[in-house]
Amino acid sequence: MYTGTLIDDLVNTVERVEKRTFDNLSQEEERAFWHAVSQNQLTQFESGLAGVA
């Protein structure tokens, strides 16, 4: 039966997976991971602006 909690269930699942993943990483490894993610997002953002100016 549909309960209307799909989004909440998905968010909770992602949070659980992230917690398990980062529990096994040192603080330096976690920082390196997020730096890599931010660099990837920045690259995608900049390519989307190519030719705008």
PDB file of N, CA and C in Angstrom:
ATOM      1  N   MET A   1       0.838  -1.174   0.000  1.00  0.00           N
ATOM      2  CA  MET A   1       0.000   0.000   0.000  1.00  0.00           C
ATOM      3  C   MET A   1       0.891   1.248   0.000  1.00  0.00           C
ATOM      4  N   TYR A   2       0.487   2.251  -0.700  1.00  0.00           N
ATOM      5  CA  TYR A   2       1.225   3.510  -0.770  1.00  0.00           C
ATOM      6  C   TYR A   2       0.985   4.324   0.502  1.00  0.00           C
ATOM      7  N   THR A   3       2.084   4.684   1.157  1.00  0.00           N
ATOM      8  CA  THR A   3       1.951   5.417   2.421  1.00  0.00           C
ATOM      9  C   THR A   3       2.352   6.877   2.294  1.00  0.00           C
ATOM     10  N   GLY A   4       2.928   7.274   1.135  1.00  0.00           N
ATOM     11  CA  GLY A   4       3.308   8.671   0.945  1.00  0.00           C
ATOM     12  C   GLY A   4       4.636   9.025   1.584  1.00  0.00           C
ATOM     13  N   THR A   5       5.435   8.026   1.930  1.00  0.00           N
ATOM     14  CA  THR A   5       6.705   8.311   2.594  1.00  0.00           C
ATOM     15  C   THR A   5       7.917   7.932   1.741  1.00  0.00           C
ATOM     16  N   LEU A   6       7.735   7.826   0.439  1.00  0.00           N
ATOM     17  CA  LEU A   6       8.811   7.387  -0.437  1.00  0.00           C
ATOM     18  C   LEU A   6      10.048   8.278  -0.313  1.00  0.00           C
ATOM     19  N   ILE A   7       9.878   9.578  -0.378  1.00  0.00           N
ATOM     20  CA  ILE A   7      11.015  10.500  -0.295  1.00  0.00           C
ATOM     21  C   ILE A   7      11.726  10.338   1.048  1.00  0.00           C
ATOM     22  N   ASP A   8      10.957  10.311   2.126  1.00  0.00           N
ATOM     23  CA  ASP A   8      11.562  10.149   3.452  1.00  0.00           C
ATOM     24  C   ASP A   8      12.312   8.824   3.558  1.00  0.00           C
ATOM     25  N   ASP A   9      11.739   7.766   3.015  1.00  0.00           N
ATOM     26  CA  ASP A   9      12.394   6.460   3.040  1.00  0.00           C
ATOM     27  C   ASP A   9      13.705   6.482   2.249  1.00  0.00           C
ATOM     28  N   LEU A  10      13.700   7.135   1.096  1.00  0.00           N
ATOM     29  CA  LEU A  10      14.915   7.229   0.293  1.00  0.00           C
ATOM     30  C   LEU A  10      15.996   8.042   1.003  1.00  0.00           C
ATOM     31  N   VAL A  11      15.617   9.157   1.597  1.00  0.00           N
ATOM     32  CA  VAL A  11      16.571   9.989   2.330  1.00  0.00           C
ATOM     33  C   VAL A  11      17.168   9.199   3.492  1.00  0.00           C
ATOM     34  N   ASN A  12      16.337   8.492   4.221  1.00  0.00           N
ATOM     35  CA  ASN A  12      16.832   7.686   5.343  1.00  0.00           C
ATOM     36  C   ASN A  12      17.804   6.607   4.877  1.00  0.00           C
ATOM     37  N   THR A  13      17.517   5.995   3.745  1.00  0.00           N
ATOM     38  CA  THR A  13      18.404   4.963   3.202  1.00  0.00           C
ATOM     39  C   THR A  13      19.757   5.551   2.830  1.00  0.00           C
ATOM     40  N   VAL A  14      19.747   6.687   2.165  1.00  0.00           N
ATOM     41  CA  VAL A  14      21.007   7.341   1.781  1.00  0.00           C
ATOM     42  C   VAL A  14      21.799   7.730   3.022  1.00  0.00           C
ATOM     43  N   GLU A  15      21.140   8.267   4.031  1.00  0.00           N
ATOM     44  CA  GLU A  15      21.839   8.658   5.257  1.00  0.00           C
ATOM     45  C   GLU A  15      22.473   7.453   5.946  1.00  0.00           C
ATOM     46  N   ARG A  16      21.773   6.316   5.967  1.00  0.00           N
ATOM     47  CA  ARG A  16      22.336   5.106   6.572  1.00  0.00           C
ATOM     48  C   ARG A  16      23.581   4.631   5.818  1.00  0.00           C
ATOM     49  N   VAL A  17      23.499   4.648   4.490  1.00  0.00           N
ATOM     50  CA  VAL A  17      24.635   4.209   3.676  1.00  0.00           C
ATOM     51  C   VAL A  17      25.821   5.142   3.874  1.00  0.00           C
ATOM     52  N   GLU A  18      25.581   6.461   3.879  1.00  0.00           N
ATOM     53  CA  GLU A  18      26.663   7.413   4.102  1.00  0.00           C
ATOM     54  C   GLU A  18      27.307   7.194   5.467  1.00  0.00           C
ATOM     55  N   LYS A  19      26.492   6.971   6.474  1.00  0.00           N
ATOM     56  CA  LYS A  19      27.032   6.774   7.823  1.00  0.00           C
ATOM     57  C   LYS A  19      27.918   5.537   7.865  1.00  0.00           C
ATOM     58  N   ARG A  20      27.465   4.442   7.284  1.00  0.00           N
ATOM     59  CA  ARG A  20      28.278   3.219   7.252  1.00  0.00           C
ATOM     60  C   ARG A  20      29.571   3.436   6.484  1.00  0.00           C
ATOM     61  N   THR A  21      29.489   4.166   5.387  1.00  0.00           N
ATOM     62  CA  THR A  21      30.665   4.408   4.558  1.00  0.00           C
ATOM     63  C   THR A  21      31.686   5.242   5.308  1.00  0.00           C
ATOM     64  N   PHE A  22      31.240   6.320   5.929  1.00  0.00           N
ATOM     65  CA  PHE A  22      32.176   7.238   6.561  1.00  0.00           C
ATOM     66  C   PHE A  22      32.618   6.784   7.933  1.00  0.00           C
ATOM     67  N   ASP A  23      31.933   5.831   8.534  1.00  0.00           N
ATOM     68  CA  ASP A  23      32.400   5.276   9.802  1.00  0.00           C
ATOM     69  C   ASP A  23      33.713   4.531   9.605  1.00  0.00           C
ATOM     70  N   ASN A  24      33.943   4.023   8.391  1.00  0.00           N
ATOM     71  CA  ASN A  24      35.139   3.248   8.107  1.00  0.00           C
ATOM     72  C   ASN A  24      36.287   4.104   7.575  1.00  0.00           C
ATOM     73  N   LEU A  25      36.084   5.403   7.408  1.00  0.00           N
ATOM     74  CA  LEU A  25      37.111   6.290   6.882  1.00  0.00           C
ATOM     75  C   LEU A  25      37.690   7.168   7.977  1.00  0.00           C
ATOM     76  N   SER A  26      38.959   7.489   7.829  1.00  0.00           N
ATOM     77  CA  SER A  26      39.551   8.466   8.739  1.00  0.00           C
ATOM     78  C   SER A  26      39.064   9.853   8.323  1.00  0.00           C
ATOM     79  N   GLN A  27      39.299  10.826   9.161  1.00  0.00           N
ATOM     80  CA  GLN A  27      38.855  12.181   8.854  1.00  0.00           C
ATOM     81  C   GLN A  27      39.561  12.691   7.597  1.00  0.00           C
ATOM     82  N   GLU A  28      40.832  12.352   7.428  1.00  0.00           N
ATOM     83  CA  GLU A  28      41.572  12.788   6.251  1.00  0.00           C
ATOM     84  C   GLU A  28      41.026  12.138   4.977  1.00  0.00           C
ATOM     85  N   GLU A  29      40.663  10.868   5.043  1.00  0.00           N
ATOM     86  CA  GLU A  29      40.080  10.182   3.884  1.00  0.00           C
ATOM     87  C   GLU A  29      38.720  10.771   3.526  1.00  0.00           C
ATOM     88  N   GLU A  30      37.940  11.097   4.536  1.00  0.00           N
ATOM     89  CA  GLU A  30      36.627  11.695   4.290  1.00  0.00           C
ATOM     90  C   GLU A  30      36.788  13.069   3.642  1.00  0.00           C
ATOM     91  N   ARG A  31      37.737  13.846   4.128  1.00  0.00           N
ATOM     92  CA  ARG A  31      37.997  15.169   3.558  1.00  0.00           C
ATOM     93  C   ARG A  31      38.430  15.042   2.094  1.00  0.00           C
ATOM     94  N   ALA A  32      39.289  14.065   1.792  1.00  0.00           N
ATOM     95  CA  ALA A  32      39.743  13.850   0.417  1.00  0.00           C
ATOM     96  C   ALA A  32      38.568  13.452  -0.478  1.00  0.00           C
ATOM     97  N   PHE A  33      37.677  12.619   0.046  1.00  0.00           N
ATOM     98  CA  PHE A  33      36.498  12.207  -0.725  1.00  0.00           C
ATOM     99  C   PHE A  33      35.650  13.420  -1.089  1.00  0.00           C
ATOM    100  N   TRP A  34      35.324  14.255  -0.095  1.00  0.00           N
ATOM    101  CA  TRP A  34      34.456  15.398  -0.368  1.00  0.00           C
ATOM    102  C   TRP A  34      35.148  16.418  -1.262  1.00  0.00           C
ATOM    103  N   HIS A  35      36.463  16.538  -1.165  1.00  0.00           N
ATOM    104  CA  HIS A  35      37.187  17.437  -2.058  1.00  0.00           C
ATOM    105  C   HIS A  35      37.056  16.950  -3.497  1.00  0.00           C
ATOM    106  N   ALA A  36      37.193  15.636  -3.710  1.00  0.00           N
ATOM    107  CA  ALA A  36      37.055  15.068  -5.052  1.00  0.00           C
ATOM    108  C   ALA A  36      35.646  15.290  -5.586  1.00  0.00           C
ATOM    109  N   VAL A  37      34.654  15.108  -4.740  1.00  0.00           N
ATOM    110  CA  VAL A  37      33.263  15.327  -5.159  1.00  0.00           C
ATOM    111  C   VAL A  37      33.062  16.789  -5.553  1.00  0.00           C
ATOM    112  N   SER A  38      33.569  17.705  -4.741  1.00  0.00           N
ATOM    113  CA  SER A  38      33.367  19.127  -5.042  1.00  0.00           C
ATOM    114  C   SER A  38      34.092  19.524  -6.316  1.00  0.00           C
ATOM    115  N   GLN A  39      35.284  18.964  -6.555  1.00  0.00           N
ATOM    116  CA  GLN A  39      36.005  19.271  -7.794  1.00  0.00           C
ATOM    117  C   GLN A  39      35.235  18.772  -9.008  1.00  0.00           C
ATOM    118  N   ASN A  40      34.640  17.597  -8.890  1.00  0.00           N
ATOM    119  CA  ASN A  40      33.851  17.042  -9.985  1.00  0.00           C
ATOM    120  C   ASN A  40      32.634  17.923 -10.261  1.00  0.00           C
ATOM    121  N   GLN A  41      31.955  18.356  -9.222  1.00  0.00           N
ATOM    122  CA  GLN A  41      30.778  19.207  -9.402  1.00  0.00           C
ATOM    123  C   GLN A  41      31.170  20.561  -9.977  1.00  0.00           C
ATOM    124  N   LEU A  42      32.310  21.096  -9.553  1.00  0.00           N
ATOM    125  CA  LEU A  42      32.780  22.382 -10.067  1.00  0.00           C
ATOM    126  C   LEU A  42      33.088  22.269 -11.559  1.00  0.00           C
ATOM    127  N   THR A  43      33.703  21.171 -11.968  1.00  0.00           N
ATOM    128  CA  THR A  43      33.999  20.948 -13.380  1.00  0.00           C
ATOM    129  C   THR A  43      32.717  20.892 -14.194  1.00  0.00           C
ATOM    130  N   GLN A  44      31.714  20.180 -13.703  1.00  0.00           N
ATOM    131  CA  GLN A  44      30.435  20.102 -14.418  1.00  0.00           C
ATOM    132  C   GLN A  44      29.773  21.472 -14.486  1.00  0.00           C
ATOM    133  N   PHE A  45      29.857  22.238 -13.412  1.00  0.00           N
ATOM    134  CA  PHE A  45      29.246  23.562 -13.359  1.00  0.00           C
ATOM    135  C   PHE A  45      29.916  24.488 -14.383  1.00  0.00           C
ATOM    136  N   GLU A  46      31.253  24.475 -14.411  1.00  0.00           N
ATOM    137  CA  GLU A  46      31.983  25.362 -15.325  1.00  0.00           C
ATOM    138  C   GLU A  46      31.737  24.982 -16.778  1.00  0.00           C
ATOM    139  N   SER A  47      31.641  23.698 -17.100  1.00  0.00           N
ATOM    140  CA  SER A  47      31.403  23.304 -18.480  1.00  0.00           C
ATOM    141  C   SER A  47      29.994  23.718 -18.931  1.00  0.00           C
ATOM    142  N   GLY A  48      29.072  23.781 -17.983  1.00  0.00           N
ATOM    143  CA  GLY A  48      27.723  24.207 -18.303  1.00  0.00           C
ATOM    144  C   GLY A  48      27.647  25.693 -18.626  1.00  0.00           C
ATOM    145  N   LEU A  49      28.653  26.437 -18.192  1.00  0.00           N
ATOM    146  CA  LEU A  49      28.677  27.875 -18.438  1.00  0.00           C
ATOM    147  C   LEU A  49      29.535  28.247 -19.647  1.00  0.00           C
ATOM    148  N   ALA A  50      30.088  27.283 -20.331  1.00  0.00           N
ATOM    149  CA  ALA A  50      30.955  27.544 -21.469  1.00  0.00           C
ATOM    150  C   ALA A  50      30.197  28.354 -22.518  1.00  0.00           C
ATOM    151  N   GLY A  51      30.762  29.471 -22.927  1.00  0.00           N
ATOM    152  CA  GLY A  51      30.173  30.295 -23.965  1.00  0.00           C
ATOM    153  C   GLY A  51      29.071  31.222 -23.491  1.00  0.00           C
ATOM    154  N   VAL A  52      28.828  31.295 -22.180  1.00  0.00           N
ATOM    155  CA  VAL A  52      27.762  32.147 -21.672  1.00  0.00           C
ATOM    156  C   VAL A  52      28.119  33.619 -21.763  1.00  0.00           C
ATOM    157  N   ALA A  53      29.362  33.934 -21.463  1.00  0.00           N
ATOM    158  CA  ALA A  53      29.766  35.349 -21.406  1.00  0.00           C
ATOM    159  C   ALA A  53      29.893  35.952 -22.728  1.00  0.00           C
TER     160      ALA A  53
END
